[in-house]
Amino acid sequence: MDELDRLREGGRAVGLISHVSELRERIRAGIEVHRTDKGSHISVGAISEL
């Protein structure tokens, strides 16, 4: 996480896919994909809202 923070502070865009709860606690915004029988949809926002 420290390295990801350094990249972000340097103006880099950082993407991360994780199901690890410790990482979710440190990441403030995200995109969540929901699969349904009619296709997928996404939610975008603060992790606590997703």
Protein backbone atom coordinates (compact mmCIF):
# COMPACT_ATOMS: atom_id res chain seq x y z
CA MET A 1 0.00 0.00 0.00
CA ASP A 2 2.87 2.39 0.70
CA GLU A 3 4.16 1.99 -2.85
CA LEU A 4 0.68 2.56 -4.28
CA ASP A 5 0.41 5.73 -2.17
CA ARG A 6 3.78 6.96 -3.52
CA LEU A 7 2.68 6.38 -7.10
CA ARG A 8 -0.59 8.22 -6.51
CA GLU A 9 1.16 11.14 -4.81
CA GLY A 10 3.41 11.41 -7.86
CA GLY A 11 0.35 12.00 -10.06
CA ARG A 12 0.00 8.43 -11.31
CA ALA A 13 -3.37 6.74 -11.70
CA VAL A 14 -3.47 3.49 -9.73
CA GLY A 15 -5.97 0.67 -10.21
CA LEU A 16 -6.33 -2.25 -7.85
CA ILE A 17 -8.58 -5.29 -7.81
CA SER A 18 -8.86 -6.89 -4.40
CA HIS A 19 -11.15 -8.81 -2.11
CA VAL A 20 -8.77 -8.31 0.82
CA SER A 21 -10.59 -6.45 3.60
CA GLU A 22 -7.42 -4.70 4.86
CA LEU A 23 -6.92 -3.08 1.45
CA ARG A 24 -10.58 -2.03 1.24
CA GLU A 25 -10.15 -0.19 4.55
CA ARG A 26 -7.35 1.99 3.09
CA ILE A 27 -8.89 2.71 -0.31
CA ARG A 28 -11.42 5.53 -0.23
CA ALA A 29 -13.03 5.33 -3.68
CA GLY A 30 -13.76 2.52 -6.05
CA ILE A 31 -15.82 0.77 -8.68
CA GLU A 32 -17.78 -2.34 -7.83
CA VAL A 33 -19.09 -4.68 -10.55
CA HIS A 34 -22.33 -6.55 -9.91
CA ARG A 35 -23.15 -9.57 -12.05
CA THR A 36 -26.80 -10.41 -12.70
CA ASP A 37 -28.59 -12.86 -14.96
CA LYS A 38 -29.35 -9.95 -17.33
CA GLY A 39 -25.78 -8.63 -17.48
CA SER A 40 -23.42 -6.65 -15.28
CA HIS A 41 -23.67 -3.15 -13.83
CA ILE A 42 -21.29 -1.00 -11.81
CA SER A 43 -21.43 1.21 -8.72
CA VAL A 44 -18.96 4.06 -8.43
CA GLY A 45 -18.24 5.98 -5.25
CA ALA A 46 -16.77 5.86 -1.81
CA ILE A 47 -16.01 2.33 -0.66
CA SER A 48 -18.33 2.74 2.34
CA GLU A 49 -21.19 3.50 -0.08
CA LEU A 50 -20.54 0.50 -2.32
